[in-house]
Amino acid sequence: MDQTALISALVFLLITQAVLLVGGVGRAGERERIAKRLSSYALPTWESRMQTSITVLRRRRYSKLPWLDLVLARFDLGDGIALQLQQAGLPLRAGEFLFLQLVASTIGGLAGALLGWQAFGGPLGALGGAILGFVGPLVWLRYRIGQRRNAFEQGLPEALDRVTGALRAGYGLEYGFDLVAREGTPPCSEEFGQILQELNLGGDLEEALARLILRVESEDARLLSTAVAVQRRTGGNLVEVLMQMAGMLRERDRLRRDVRVITTAPRVSGYVVALLPLLTVVAMYVTSRYYIDTLLAEPMGRIAAAVGGMLVLVGLFLNHRIAQVDM
């Protein structure tokens, strides 16, 4: 394929996506706002299909584009992406995120066609840029999920202290959740506020806590849900349980920070060793560019460079996993 034709096709595709994006953006109507508010109280994704096969509700909308809704529903991708967006705290629909992936893939392919055509001797650079552009938002989404989970786990001991204080003062558990929602820090305040809204609408506390586990994907949330469920079914001193749980979470966080400090030197050493080939290539490109040009001039050299880059990424990933301590 000719470079000019490929660039023209990618530019046309990018303009088409921009037109669709601008045309789909607008103020949501009253029905759409109501649907968005009610989507938080829909049946959780872990319920069986047999239980949700008969419903009087309309089919769930994943975007404002009907064809994109059909694609997400056909390949059963909408619920999974929507759950991950909810875990990341992003106010996006599944279709909107997938559309952004397509836009990023087009931009990556265009950048690869412009910058990597001569280096890779054909459309291989455009293909690699398109793949990176499509995968990049997914990596960023997983990063946001991890960041939000860590923020929730760090703020949970303080939230439990507020709930414990409310219970000691003679108030109910719902008042403690309301106190966290009003005076706590995100994302704990947001999640406890969501639980409180479900309870105000007549929902069950255990089901609301089960949805909390889905939204934050945290073992700490699972511990909280288990503690409350056991206390409701068998009785016991919930104040003492929550106090011990808050102390345990603080102690674990302290140990986690100590372990991170201890493993700093091995982690940094691993990153330096893994990045050494890349630094060597940069140094050779600056001082002796002839060797790099000779390497990229031959098909076998380009394949070797691509395989080497992939192995560097694998080394970085393995080093990160080795230095990571699960607690």
Foldseek 3Di string as FASTA:
>chain_A
DDLVVVLVVLVVVLVVLVVVVVVQDDDDDPVVVVLVVCVLVDDQPPDDCVVVVDDPDDDDDQGPDVVLRCVCVVVVNQNVQQLLCLLLVHPHGSSVLQSQLQSQLSVQLSVQSVPVCVLQVHSPRSNVRSVCSNCVVVVVSVVSSVVQLVVCLVQVLVLLVQQLVCVVVPHDSLVSLVCCLVPNDPPSNVLSVSLSVCVVVPHDNLVSLVVVCSNNVDVLSVVVSVLVVCCVVPNDDSSVVSNVSSVVSVVVVVVQVVLCVVLVVLLVVLLCVLCVVVVVVVVCCVVPVVVVCVLSVDNVSVVVVVVSVVVSVVSNVVSVVVSDDDD
